[in-house]
Amino acid sequence: MQITLNKQQEEFIAAQLAQGNFSHPDEVVNAAFKLLEKLQTEYPDWLTETREQVNLPPFSGSGEKANNV
């Protein structure tokens, strides 16, 4: 699989390498995917728990805003 990066993404990866945070571009991409996976698996649970604590209706994911906020 080949992935095309935009200029901003390339600059970000280059900066991470230049700062010594990573030694290879693949490491930067792998770290980004790990964070995305964590966000997608943990954030919905955190959001549900937080909404329950403050008594808000469940998030539908459709971009709707709660009326009582």
PDB file of N, CA and C in Angstrom:
ATOM      1  N   MET A   1       0.850  -1.172   0.000  1.00  0.00           N
ATOM      2  CA  MET A   1       0.000   0.000   0.000  1.00  0.00           C
ATOM      3  C   MET A   1       0.899   1.238   0.000  1.00  0.00           C
ATOM      4  N   GLN A   2       0.532   2.187  -0.793  1.00  0.00           N
ATOM      5  CA  GLN A   2       1.246   3.453  -0.803  1.00  0.00           C
ATOM      6  C   GLN A   2       0.313   4.545  -0.319  1.00  0.00           C
ATOM      7  N   ILE A   3       0.864   5.466   0.449  1.00  0.00           N
ATOM      8  CA  ILE A   3       0.077   6.573   0.993  1.00  0.00           C
ATOM      9  C   ILE A   3       0.746   7.866   0.564  1.00  0.00           C
ATOM     10  N   THR A   4      -0.054   8.799   0.088  1.00  0.00           N
ATOM     11  CA  THR A   4       0.465  10.100  -0.305  1.00  0.00           C
ATOM     12  C   THR A   4       0.212  11.090   0.817  1.00  0.00           C
ATOM     13  N   LEU A   5       1.272  11.739   1.259  1.00  0.00           N
ATOM     14  CA  LEU A   5       1.170  12.726   2.328  1.00  0.00           C
ATOM     15  C   LEU A   5       1.086  14.119   1.718  1.00  0.00           C
ATOM     16  N   ASN A   6       0.342  14.989   2.396  1.00  0.00           N
ATOM     17  CA  ASN A   6       0.338  16.377   1.937  1.00  0.00           C
ATOM     18  C   ASN A   6       1.569  17.075   2.511  1.00  0.00           C
ATOM     19  N   LYS A   7       1.801  18.293   2.078  1.00  0.00           N
ATOM     20  CA  LYS A   7       3.004  19.031   2.478  1.00  0.00           C
ATOM     21  C   LYS A   7       3.092  19.200   3.998  1.00  0.00           C
ATOM     22  N   GLN A   8       1.979  19.515   4.635  1.00  0.00           N
ATOM     23  CA  GLN A   8       1.970  19.705   6.093  1.00  0.00           C
ATOM     24  C   GLN A   8       2.355  18.411   6.808  1.00  0.00           C
ATOM     25  N   GLN A   9       1.854  17.296   6.354  1.00  0.00           N
ATOM     26  CA  GLN A   9       2.184  16.013   6.970  1.00  0.00           C
ATOM     27  C   GLN A   9       3.664  15.686   6.786  1.00  0.00           C
ATOM     28  N   GLU A  10       4.181  15.945   5.584  1.00  0.00           N
ATOM     29  CA  GLU A  10       5.602  15.703   5.330  1.00  0.00           C
ATOM     30  C   GLU A  10       6.479  16.577   6.222  1.00  0.00           C
ATOM     31  N   GLU A  11       6.079  17.842   6.384  1.00  0.00           N
ATOM     32  CA  GLU A  11       6.843  18.759   7.230  1.00  0.00           C
ATOM     33  C   GLU A  11       6.799  18.318   8.692  1.00  0.00           C
ATOM     34  N   PHE A  12       5.650  17.835   9.125  1.00  0.00           N
ATOM     35  CA  PHE A  12       5.526  17.363  10.506  1.00  0.00           C
ATOM     36  C   PHE A  12       6.448  16.173  10.747  1.00  0.00           C
ATOM     37  N   ILE A  13       6.441  15.234   9.819  1.00  0.00           N
ATOM     38  CA  ILE A  13       7.302  14.054   9.960  1.00  0.00           C
ATOM     39  C   ILE A  13       8.764  14.480   9.941  1.00  0.00           C
ATOM     40  N   ALA A  14       9.121  15.368   9.040  1.00  0.00           N
ATOM     41  CA  ALA A  14      10.506  15.843   8.965  1.00  0.00           C
ATOM     42  C   ALA A  14      10.921  16.517  10.272  1.00  0.00           C
ATOM     43  N   ALA A  15      10.022  17.290  10.851  1.00  0.00           N
ATOM     44  CA  ALA A  15      10.327  17.963  12.117  1.00  0.00           C
ATOM     45  C   ALA A  15      10.515  16.955  13.242  1.00  0.00           C
ATOM     46  N   GLN A  16       9.692  15.935  13.271  1.00  0.00           N
ATOM     47  CA  GLN A  16       9.829  14.901  14.302  1.00  0.00           C
ATOM     48  C   GLN A  16      11.177  14.188  14.190  1.00  0.00           C
ATOM     49  N   LEU A  17      11.586  13.928  12.954  1.00  0.00           N
ATOM     50  CA  LEU A  17      12.885  13.287  12.730  1.00  0.00           C
ATOM     51  C   LEU A  17      14.023  14.224  13.112  1.00  0.00           C
ATOM     52  N   ALA A  18      13.912  15.489  12.726  1.00  0.00           N
ATOM     53  CA  ALA A  18      14.963  16.470  13.014  1.00  0.00           C
ATOM     54  C   ALA A  18      15.128  16.700  14.514  1.00  0.00           C
ATOM     55  N   GLN A  19      14.026  16.623  15.245  1.00  0.00           N
ATOM     56  CA  GLN A  19      14.073  16.820  16.699  1.00  0.00           C
ATOM     57  C   GLN A  19      14.574  15.577  17.424  1.00  0.00           C
ATOM     58  N   GLY A  20      14.749  14.501  16.686  1.00  0.00           N
ATOM     59  CA  GLY A  20      15.249  13.269  17.291  1.00  0.00           C
ATOM     60  C   GLY A  20      14.178  12.455  18.002  1.00  0.00           C
ATOM     61  N   ASN A  21      12.909  12.815  17.791  1.00  0.00           N
ATOM     62  CA  ASN A  21      11.822  12.073  18.437  1.00  0.00           C
ATOM     63  C   ASN A  21      11.647  10.687  17.836  1.00  0.00           C
ATOM     64  N   PHE A  22      12.004  10.536  16.585  1.00  0.00           N
ATOM     65  CA  PHE A  22      11.907   9.261  15.870  1.00  0.00           C
ATOM     66  C   PHE A  22      13.116   9.144  14.960  1.00  0.00           C
ATOM     67  N   SER A  23      13.462   7.908  14.607  1.00  0.00           N
ATOM     68  CA  SER A  23      14.622   7.713  13.737  1.00  0.00           C
ATOM     69  C   SER A  23      14.227   7.357  12.306  1.00  0.00           C
ATOM     70  N   HIS A  24      12.944   7.082  12.072  1.00  0.00           N
ATOM     71  CA  HIS A  24      12.494   6.711  10.726  1.00  0.00           C
ATOM     72  C   HIS A  24      11.061   7.180  10.537  1.00  0.00           C
ATOM     73  N   PRO A  25      10.711   7.618   9.334  1.00  0.00           N
ATOM     74  CA  PRO A  25       9.342   8.092   9.086  1.00  0.00           C
ATOM     75  C   PRO A  25       8.263   7.064   9.453  1.00  0.00           C
ATOM     76  N   ASP A  26       8.561   5.781   9.254  1.00  0.00           N
ATOM     77  CA  ASP A  26       7.581   4.745   9.610  1.00  0.00           C
ATOM     78  C   ASP A  26       7.217   4.792  11.091  1.00  0.00           C
ATOM     79  N   GLU A  27       8.172   5.139  11.930  1.00  0.00           N
ATOM     80  CA  GLU A  27       7.909   5.224  13.368  1.00  0.00           C
ATOM     81  C   GLU A  27       6.907   6.330  13.678  1.00  0.00           C
ATOM     82  N   VAL A  28       7.012   7.445  12.973  1.00  0.00           N
ATOM     83  CA  VAL A  28       6.078   8.553  13.175  1.00  0.00           C
ATOM     84  C   VAL A  28       4.671   8.120  12.773  1.00  0.00           C
ATOM     85  N   VAL A  29       4.558   7.493  11.623  1.00  0.00           N
ATOM     86  CA  VAL A  29       3.254   7.040  11.126  1.00  0.00           C
ATOM     87  C   VAL A  29       2.667   5.980  12.058  1.00  0.00           C
ATOM     88  N   ASN A  30       3.503   5.056  12.527  1.00  0.00           N
ATOM     89  CA  ASN A  30       3.012   4.022  13.451  1.00  0.00           C
ATOM     90  C   ASN A  30       2.498   4.645  14.746  1.00  0.00           C
ATOM     91  N   ALA A  31       3.210   5.635  15.275  1.00  0.00           N
ATOM     92  CA  ALA A  31       2.763   6.311  16.493  1.00  0.00           C
ATOM     93  C   ALA A  31       1.427   7.014  16.261  1.00  0.00           C
ATOM     94  N   ALA A  32       1.280   7.626  15.100  1.00  0.00           N
ATOM     95  CA  ALA A  32       0.022   8.312  14.776  1.00  0.00           C
ATOM     96  C   ALA A  32      -1.137   7.320  14.713  1.00  0.00           C
ATOM     97  N   PHE A  33      -0.916   6.173  14.102  1.00  0.00           N
ATOM     98  CA  PHE A  33      -1.978   5.171  14.018  1.00  0.00           C
ATOM     99  C   PHE A  33      -2.331   4.604  15.394  1.00  0.00           C
ATOM    100  N   LYS A  34      -1.327   4.419  16.245  1.00  0.00           N
ATOM    101  CA  LYS A  34      -1.611   3.941  17.604  1.00  0.00           C
ATOM    102  C   LYS A  34      -2.471   4.942  18.362  1.00  0.00           C
ATOM    103  N   LEU A  35      -2.168   6.231  18.209  1.00  0.00           N
ATOM    104  CA  LEU A  35      -2.974   7.264  18.869  1.00  0.00           C
ATOM    105  C   LEU A  35      -4.391   7.303  18.320  1.00  0.00           C
ATOM    106  N   LEU A  36      -4.522   7.162  17.000  1.00  0.00           N
ATOM    107  CA  LEU A  36      -5.854   7.147  16.385  1.00  0.00           C
ATOM    108  C   LEU A  36      -6.662   5.955  16.878  1.00  0.00           C
ATOM    109  N   GLU A  37      -6.025   4.804  16.949  1.00  0.00           N
ATOM    110  CA  GLU A  37      -6.715   3.608  17.443  1.00  0.00           C
ATOM    111  C   GLU A  37      -7.155   3.799  18.895  1.00  0.00           C
ATOM    112  N   LYS A  38      -6.272   4.357  19.711  1.00  0.00           N
ATOM    113  CA  LYS A  38      -6.608   4.600  21.115  1.00  0.00           C
ATOM    114  C   LYS A  38      -7.768   5.587  21.224  1.00  0.00           C
ATOM    115  N   LEU A  39      -7.714   6.637  20.423  1.00  0.00           N
ATOM    116  CA  LEU A  39      -8.788   7.628  20.423  1.00  0.00           C
ATOM    117  C   LEU A  39     -10.123   6.992  20.050  1.00  0.00           C
ATOM    118  N   GLN A  40     -10.116   6.169  19.027  1.00  0.00           N
ATOM    119  CA  GLN A  40     -11.360   5.563  18.563  1.00  0.00           C
ATOM    120  C   GLN A  40     -11.906   4.502  19.514  1.00  0.00           C
ATOM    121  N   THR A  41     -11.040   3.881  20.297  1.00  0.00           N
ATOM    122  CA  THR A  41     -11.526   2.846  21.211  1.00  0.00           C
ATOM    123  C   THR A  41     -11.846   3.391  22.598  1.00  0.00           C
ATOM    124  N   GLU A  42     -11.081   4.389  23.057  1.00  0.00           N
ATOM    125  CA  GLU A  42     -11.274   4.881  24.418  1.00  0.00           C
ATOM    126  C   GLU A  42     -12.172   6.106  24.508  1.00  0.00           C
ATOM    127  N   TYR A  43     -12.165   6.971  23.525  1.00  0.00           N
ATOM    128  CA  TYR A  43     -12.932   8.214  23.605  1.00  0.00           C
ATOM    129  C   TYR A  43     -14.442   7.975  23.704  1.00  0.00           C
ATOM    130  N   PRO A  44     -15.030   7.069  22.913  1.00  0.00           N
ATOM    131  CA  PRO A  44     -16.478   6.860  23.057  1.00  0.00           C
ATOM    132  C   PRO A  44     -16.881   6.421  24.466  1.00  0.00           C
ATOM    133  N   ASP A  45     -16.069   5.567  25.080  1.00  0.00           N
ATOM    134  CA  ASP A  45     -16.367   5.140  26.449  1.00  0.00           C
ATOM    135  C   ASP A  45     -16.257   6.310  27.418  1.00  0.00           C
ATOM    136  N   TRP A  46     -15.182   7.104  27.274  1.00  0.00           N
ATOM    137  CA  TRP A  46     -15.001   8.273  28.138  1.00  0.00           C
ATOM    138  C   TRP A  46     -16.158   9.244  27.956  1.00  0.00           C
ATOM    139  N   LEU A  47     -16.569   9.474  26.719  1.00  0.00           N
ATOM    140  CA  LEU A  47     -17.655  10.404  26.438  1.00  0.00           C
ATOM    141  C   LEU A  47     -18.956   9.919  27.068  1.00  0.00           C
ATOM    142  N   THR A  48     -19.249   8.643  26.941  1.00  0.00           N
ATOM    143  CA  THR A  48     -20.458   8.078  27.541  1.00  0.00           C
ATOM    144  C   THR A  48     -20.438   8.228  29.052  1.00  0.00           C
ATOM    145  N   GLU A  49     -19.314   7.887  29.670  1.00  0.00           N
ATOM    146  CA  GLU A  49     -19.200   8.001  31.129  1.00  0.00           C
ATOM    147  C   GLU A  49     -19.347   9.448  31.584  1.00  0.00           C
ATOM    148  N   THR A  50     -18.732  10.352  30.866  1.00  0.00           N
ATOM    149  CA  THR A  50     -18.798  11.764  31.227  1.00  0.00           C
ATOM    150  C   THR A  50     -20.216  12.299  31.073  1.00  0.00           C
ATOM    151  N   ARG A  51     -20.877  11.937  29.985  1.00  0.00           N
ATOM    152  CA  ARG A  51     -22.259  12.384  29.774  1.00  0.00           C
ATOM    153  C   ARG A  51     -23.182  11.847  30.873  1.00  0.00           C
ATOM    154  N   GLU A  52     -22.955  10.612  31.280  1.00  0.00           N
ATOM    155  CA  GLU A  52     -23.766  10.049  32.359  1.00  0.00           C
ATOM    156  C   GLU A  52     -23.547  10.815  33.657  1.00  0.00           C
ATOM    157  N   GLN A  53     -22.306  11.222  33.893  1.00  0.00           N
ATOM    158  CA  GLN A  53     -21.988  11.948  35.122  1.00  0.00           C
ATOM    159  C   GLN A  53     -22.634  13.326  35.156  1.00  0.00           C
ATOM    160  N   VAL A  54     -22.787  13.953  34.001  1.00  0.00           N
ATOM    161  CA  VAL A  54     -23.391  15.288  33.967  1.00  0.00           C
ATOM    162  C   VAL A  54     -24.828  15.248  33.458  1.00  0.00           C
ATOM    163  N   ASN A  55     -25.362  14.046  33.273  1.00  0.00           N
ATOM    164  CA  ASN A  55     -26.760  13.850  32.915  1.00  0.00           C
ATOM    165  C   ASN A  55     -27.142  14.405  31.545  1.00  0.00           C
ATOM    166  N   LEU A  56     -26.313  14.200  30.542  1.00  0.00           N
ATOM    167  CA  LEU A  56     -26.628  14.620  29.183  1.00  0.00           C
ATOM    168  C   LEU A  56     -27.126  13.426  28.388  1.00  0.00           C
ATOM    169  N   PRO A  57     -27.919  13.674  27.355  1.00  0.00           N
ATOM    170  CA  PRO A  57     -28.375  12.561  26.518  1.00  0.00           C
ATOM    171  C   PRO A  57     -27.199  11.948  25.757  1.00  0.00           C
ATOM    172  N   PRO A  58     -27.301  10.686  25.360  1.00  0.00           N
ATOM    173  CA  PRO A  58     -26.212  10.031  24.626  1.00  0.00           C
ATOM    174  C   PRO A  58     -25.897  10.765  23.329  1.00  0.00           C
ATOM    175  N   PHE A  59     -24.629  10.722  22.918  1.00  0.00           N
ATOM    176  CA  PHE A  59     -24.189  11.356  21.682  1.00  0.00           C
ATOM    177  C   PHE A  59     -24.573  10.470  20.518  1.00  0.00           C
ATOM    178  N   SER A  60     -25.238  11.062  19.526  1.00  0.00           N
ATOM    179  CA  SER A  60     -25.698  10.287  18.384  1.00  0.00           C
ATOM    180  C   SER A  60     -24.621  10.131  17.315  1.00  0.00           C
ATOM    181  N   GLY A  61     -23.610  10.994  17.347  1.00  0.00           N
ATOM    182  CA  GLY A  61     -22.572  10.927  16.336  1.00  0.00           C
ATOM    183  C   GLY A  61     -22.941  11.639  15.053  1.00  0.00           C
ATOM    184  N   SER A  62     -24.113  12.246  15.012  1.00  0.00           N
ATOM    185  CA  SER A  62     -24.571  12.909  13.787  1.00  0.00           C
ATOM    186  C   SER A  62     -24.257  14.380  13.762  1.00  0.00           C
ATOM    187  N   GLY A  63     -23.520  14.861  14.750  1.00  0.00           N
ATOM    188  CA  GLY A  63     -23.185  16.273  14.792  1.00  0.00           C
ATOM    189  C   GLY A  63     -24.232  17.109  15.493  1.00  0.00           C
ATOM    190  N   GLU A  64     -25.255  16.459  16.040  1.00  0.00           N
ATOM    191  CA  GLU A  64     -26.307  17.188  16.749  1.00  0.00           C
ATOM    192  C   GLU A  64     -25.790  17.680  18.084  1.00  0.00           C
ATOM    193  N   LYS A  65     -26.263  18.812  18.500  1.00  0.00           N
ATOM    194  CA  LYS A  65     -25.908  19.350  19.812  1.00  0.00           C
ATOM    195  C   LYS A  65     -27.050  19.063  20.779  1.00  0.00           C
ATOM    196  N   ALA A  66     -26.687  18.799  22.021  1.00  0.00           N
ATOM    197  CA  ALA A  66     -27.710  18.583  23.037  1.00  0.00           C
ATOM    198  C   ALA A  66     -28.427  19.894  23.300  1.00  0.00           C
ATOM    199  N   ASN A  67     -29.724  19.832  23.457  1.00  0.00           N
ATOM    200  CA  ASN A  67     -30.525  21.034  23.665  1.00  0.00           C
ATOM    201  C   ASN A  67     -30.373  21.619  25.064  1.00  0.00           C
ATOM    202  N   ASN A  68     -30.032  20.793  26.023  1.00  0.00           N
ATOM    203  CA  ASN A  68     -29.970  21.269  27.392  1.00  0.00           C
ATOM    204  C   ASN A  68     -28.577  21.681  27.834  1.00  0.00           C
ATOM    205  N   VAL A  69     -27.700  21.959  26.893  1.00  0.00           N
ATOM    206  CA  VAL A  69     -26.344  22.385  27.245  1.00  0.00           C
ATOM    207  C   VAL A  69     -26.257  23.879  27.199  1.00  0.00           C
TER     208      VAL A  69
END
